[in-house]
Protein backbone atom coordinates (compact mmCIF):
# COMPACT_ATOMS: atom_id res chain seq x y z
CA MET A 1 76.48 150.82 132.86
CA ASN A 2 76.63 152.07 129.53
CA GLU A 3 79.99 152.55 129.12
CA ILE A 4 80.67 148.99 130.09
CA LEU A 5 78.08 147.44 127.77
CA LYS A 6 79.94 149.28 124.97
CA LYS A 7 82.95 147.91 125.54
CA ILE A 8 81.65 144.52 125.66
CA SER A 9 83.05 142.55 122.77
CA SER A 10 80.50 140.15 120.57
CA TYR A 11 82.87 137.45 121.99
CA ASN A 12 82.52 138.28 125.32
CA LEU A 13 78.52 138.52 124.83
CA PHE A 14 77.96 135.20 122.95
CA ASN A 15 80.41 133.18 124.99
CA TYR A 16 80.06 134.65 127.88
CA LEU A 17 77.25 136.68 129.25
CA LEU A 18 74.51 134.89 127.01
CA PRO A 19 75.31 131.05 128.08
CA GLY A 20 75.65 132.38 131.71
CA VAL A 21 72.50 134.12 131.46
CA LEU A 22 70.67 130.88 129.75
CA PHE A 23 72.49 128.93 132.27
CA VAL A 24 70.77 130.68 135.34
CA VAL A 25 67.26 130.73 133.82
CA ILE A 26 67.14 127.22 132.98
CA VAL A 27 68.79 125.87 135.86
CA SER A 28 66.65 127.73 137.82
CA ARG A 29 63.51 126.52 136.54
CA ILE A 30 64.39 122.87 136.11
CA THR A 31 65.77 122.61 139.70
CA SER A 32 65.55 124.07 143.08
CA TYR A 33 68.65 125.84 142.43
CA ASP A 34 67.83 129.36 142.67
CA LEU A 35 70.64 131.69 140.86
CA LEU A 36 68.79 134.50 139.59
CA VAL A 37 70.16 137.79 140.99
CA ASP A 38 68.08 140.84 141.88
CA ASP A 39 70.28 143.53 141.22
CA ILE A 40 71.14 144.16 137.62
CA VAL A 41 74.68 145.11 137.79
CA LEU A 42 75.54 142.23 140.10
CA GLY A 43 73.62 140.04 138.37
CA ALA A 44 75.58 141.04 134.67
CA PHE A 45 78.41 140.14 136.84
CA VAL A 46 77.81 137.05 138.49
CA TYR A 47 76.21 135.87 134.92
CA TYR A 48 79.46 136.45 132.85
CA PHE A 49 81.55 135.03 135.41
CA LEU A 50 79.28 131.90 135.22
CA GLY A 51 79.81 132.09 131.35
CA LEU A 52 83.27 132.31 131.80
CA VAL A 53 83.73 129.04 134.01
CA ILE A 54 81.19 127.44 131.15
CA SER A 55 83.32 128.64 128.28
CA ARG A 56 86.45 127.15 129.97
CA ILE A 57 85.05 124.13 130.67
CA GLY A 58 84.01 123.99 126.63
CA SER A 59 88.01 124.64 126.25
CA LEU A 60 89.19 122.05 128.53
CA VAL A 61 86.54 119.30 128.70
CA VAL A 62 84.53 119.69 125.72
CA GLU A 63 87.26 120.69 123.02
CA PRO A 64 89.96 117.86 123.98
CA ALA A 65 86.60 115.00 124.39
CA PHE A 66 85.85 115.81 121.06
CA LYS A 67 89.44 115.68 119.31
CA TRP A 68 89.88 112.39 121.19
CA PHE A 69 86.69 110.73 119.41
CA LYS A 70 87.91 112.49 116.48
CA PHE A 71 84.66 114.57 116.42
CA VAL A 72 86.69 117.52 115.42
CA GLU A 73 90.16 118.07 113.71
CA PHE A 74 92.00 121.00 113.86
CA ALA A 75 94.74 122.51 111.90
CA PRO A 76 98.01 122.92 113.42
CA TYR A 77 98.13 126.23 115.57
CA GLU A 78 100.88 127.94 113.54
CA SER A 79 98.66 127.26 110.51
CA PHE A 80 95.79 129.04 111.85
CA ILE A 81 97.98 132.12 113.03
CA ARG A 82 99.13 132.52 109.43
CA ALA A 83 95.70 132.17 108.01
CA GLU A 84 93.90 134.45 110.36
CA LYS A 85 96.37 137.06 109.06
CA GLU A 86 95.19 136.48 105.44
CA ASP A 87 91.75 136.17 106.05
CA GLY A 88 89.52 138.15 108.32
CA LYS A 89 86.62 135.84 108.12
CA ILE A 90 88.83 133.27 109.89
CA ALA A 91 88.40 135.11 113.24
CA VAL A 92 84.61 135.44 112.75
CA LEU A 93 84.26 131.60 111.93
CA SER A 94 86.25 130.92 114.93
CA GLU A 95 84.48 133.45 117.37
CA ALA A 96 81.27 131.28 116.31
CA ASN A 97 82.86 128.03 116.52
CA ASN A 98 84.16 128.67 120.26
CA MET A 99 80.36 129.84 120.73
CA TYR A 100 78.97 126.06 119.60
CA ARG A 101 81.62 124.73 122.07
CA THR A 102 80.30 126.69 124.86
CA PHE A 103 77.02 126.02 124.21
CA VAL A 104 77.58 122.22 124.25
CA SER A 105 79.18 122.96 127.37
CA LEU A 106 75.95 125.14 128.66
CA PHE A 107 74.02 122.00 127.90
CA GLY A 108 76.10 119.77 129.49
CA LEU A 109 76.36 121.81 133.03
CA ILE A 110 72.65 122.04 132.67
CA LEU A 111 72.51 118.30 132.76
CA LEU A 112 75.13 118.08 135.12
CA ALA A 113 73.21 120.04 137.86
CA CYS A 114 70.43 118.13 137.61
CA VAL A 115 72.32 115.43 138.34
CA TRP A 116 74.32 117.11 141.03
CA GLU A 117 71.00 118.06 142.87
CA SER A 118 70.09 114.53 143.04
CA VAL A 119 73.52 113.72 144.30
CA THR A 120 73.48 116.39 147.10
CA GLN A 121 70.08 115.09 148.00
CA SER A 122 70.80 111.56 148.62
CA VAL A 123 74.88 111.75 149.68
CA ALA A 124 75.31 113.95 152.75
CA TRP A 125 78.37 114.08 153.09
CA VAL A 126 78.61 115.42 149.29
CA GLN A 127 76.01 117.76 150.53
CA SER A 128 78.22 119.02 153.23
CA ALA A 129 81.53 118.97 151.41
CA GLU A 130 79.67 121.00 148.01
CA ALA A 131 81.36 124.11 148.80
CA TYR A 132 84.96 123.00 149.55
CA LEU A 133 84.14 120.69 146.09
CA ILE A 134 83.37 123.35 144.05
CA THR A 135 86.21 125.42 144.96
CA VAL A 136 88.39 122.84 143.92
CA VAL A 137 87.02 122.58 140.93
CA MET A 138 87.41 126.42 140.22
CA ILE A 139 90.94 126.38 141.08
CA LEU A 140 91.50 123.50 139.05
CA LEU A 141 89.68 125.22 136.23
CA PHE A 142 91.30 128.44 136.16
CA ALA A 143 94.79 126.64 136.58
CA LEU A 144 94.42 124.81 133.65
CA SER A 145 93.04 127.74 131.66
CA TYR A 146 95.89 130.04 132.74
CA ARG A 147 98.10 126.92 131.21
CA LYS A 148 96.45 126.50 128.02
CA GLN A 149 96.43 130.48 127.59
CA THR A 150 100.07 130.58 128.42
CA GLY A 151 100.70 127.90 125.64
CA TYR A 152 98.71 130.08 123.18
CA ILE A 153 100.96 133.31 124.02
CA THR A 154 103.79 131.33 123.39
CA ASN A 155 102.84 129.60 120.25
CA ARG A 156 102.12 133.24 118.88
CA ILE A 157 105.36 134.32 119.85
CA SER A 158 107.04 131.73 118.66
CA ALA A 159 105.12 132.01 115.16
CA ARG A 160 105.82 135.80 115.22
CA LYS A 161 109.13 134.72 115.52
CA ASP A 162 109.21 132.59 112.46
CA ASP A 163 107.45 134.87 110.49
CA ASP A 164 110.19 137.58 111.36
CA HIS A 165 113.07 135.02 109.86
CA HIS A 166 111.49 135.00 106.64
């Protein structure tokens, strides 16, 4: 377990594990959902996964919504890549930026958990279809995450090719 903990980066800790733990603790206290896991090793994996889900929702829902409402504006990705090579502080700032986005997602999902609990208690078909609905949402979430990540990889490769030609 100590070896695993040594390999967890600050990004993984603050963007996945911490939000997952906070989600479980807060939701378990304010709703009837008991998400706490007694086994510490299993709990760490469950909380990490929940944090990953929270982070992906931040990336796929919060970020585009904030862009659409012009709450944030991004530099072109190619400019980000070039600047990141020249200024090491940008990676640290980007990590913090992603953490804030994940926390917006975290608190939105806590609110959604409260609403979801009310809906499942009052709408019978939702309660009976809950596992199917969550599974479909997870498939969509990770399919869209895969597509977005593939786009980042492709853009980085293209930016690298552009650097090689200069």
